[in-house]
């Protein structure tokens, strides 16, 4: 069962900490980020701003492909596509 909530906690040093999901690492693990504030409200506003940002990591390994790899795949696709037309 997944947990739902704001993920805002008061730390021992008196600050408030908000955690948000940044993205997914190449190995499939979730990457979390933290934002801090002096008050609960300030932390909640920062957290909402960070949650609207696009994710940073991706689960696929396509990030390691070079442009030439995409070109080769496209050429293979075009060659097989002409055979069926």
Protein backbone atom coordinates (compact mmCIF):
# COMPACT_ATOMS: atom_id res chain seq x y z
CA UNK A 1 0.00 0.00 0.00
CA UNK A 2 1.46 3.36 -0.97
CA UNK A 3 1.78 6.19 1.51
CA UNK A 4 0.19 9.53 0.76
CA UNK A 5 0.92 12.81 2.42
CA UNK A 6 2.94 15.94 2.32
CA UNK A 7 6.20 14.47 3.67
CA UNK A 8 6.93 17.52 5.82
CA UNK A 9 8.63 16.93 9.15
CA UNK A 10 10.05 19.06 11.94
CA UNK A 11 13.73 18.34 12.52
CA UNK A 12 15.58 18.31 15.83
CA UNK A 13 17.34 21.56 14.92
CA UNK A 14 13.97 23.36 14.65
CA UNK A 15 13.79 23.58 10.85
CA UNK A 16 11.08 21.99 8.74
CA UNK A 17 12.09 19.51 6.04
CA UNK A 18 10.03 18.58 3.00
CA UNK A 19 10.94 15.62 0.80
CA UNK A 20 9.95 15.22 -2.84
CA UNK A 21 10.61 12.75 -5.64
CA UNK A 22 13.26 14.11 -8.02
CA UNK A 23 13.30 11.22 -10.49
CA UNK A 24 14.46 7.67 -11.04
CA UNK A 25 18.09 6.55 -11.25
CA UNK A 26 19.38 4.25 -13.98
CA UNK A 27 19.24 1.31 -11.57
CA UNK A 28 15.53 1.90 -10.91
CA UNK A 29 15.83 3.46 -7.45
CA UNK A 30 13.91 6.62 -6.61
CA UNK A 31 15.93 9.80 -6.13
CA UNK A 32 14.60 12.12 -3.42
CA UNK A 33 15.31 15.79 -2.82
CA UNK A 34 14.82 17.88 0.30
CA UNK A 35 13.88 21.47 0.91
CA UNK A 36 14.06 23.29 4.22
CA UNK A 37 12.28 26.22 5.81
CA UNK A 38 11.90 28.06 9.08
CA UNK A 39 8.13 27.53 9.13
CA UNK A 40 5.77 24.79 8.00
CA UNK A 41 4.09 27.15 5.52
CA UNK A 42 7.41 28.24 3.97
CA UNK A 43 8.48 24.62 3.54
CA UNK A 44 5.12 23.67 2.01
CA UNK A 45 5.41 26.49 -0.57
CA UNK A 46 8.94 25.42 -1.51
CA UNK A 47 7.85 21.80 -1.73
CA UNK A 48 5.00 22.65 -4.12
CA UNK A 49 7.43 24.59 -6.32
CA UNK A 50 9.90 21.69 -6.48
CA UNK A 51 7.17 19.12 -7.19
CA UNK A 52 6.16 21.05 -10.32
CA UNK A 53 9.65 20.73 -11.78
CA UNK A 54 10.20 17.96 -14.36
CA UNK A 55 11.92 14.76 -13.19
CA UNK A 56 15.70 14.66 -13.57
CA UNK A 57 16.50 10.98 -14.06
CA UNK A 58 15.04 8.34 -16.32
CA UNK A 59 14.72 4.63 -15.89
CA UNK A 60 15.73 3.73 -19.44
CA UNK A 61 19.30 3.40 -20.60
CA UNK A 62 18.63 5.57 -23.69
CA UNK A 63 20.68 8.37 -22.12
CA UNK A 64 23.87 6.47 -22.98
CA UNK A 65 23.00 6.20 -26.68
CA UNK A 66 24.83 8.35 -29.16
CA UNK A 67 23.25 10.22 -32.02
CA UNK A 68 24.79 7.77 -34.47
CA UNK A 69 22.99 4.90 -32.72
CA UNK A 70 19.64 6.62 -33.28
CA UNK A 71 20.56 7.22 -36.93
CA UNK A 72 21.43 3.54 -37.40
CA UNK A 73 18.11 2.47 -35.87
CA UNK A 74 16.24 4.90 -38.08
CA UNK A 75 18.00 3.59 -41.22
CA UNK A 76 17.15 -0.01 -40.28
CA UNK A 77 13.55 1.00 -39.70
CA UNK A 78 13.34 2.76 -43.07
CA UNK A 79 14.84 -0.25 -44.88
CA UNK A 80 12.33 -2.67 -43.36
CA UNK A 81 9.52 -0.19 -43.96
CA UNK A 82 10.23 -0.01 -47.71
CA UNK A 83 10.14 -3.76 -48.05
CA UNK A 84 6.54 -3.88 -46.82
CA UNK A 85 5.21 -1.01 -48.90
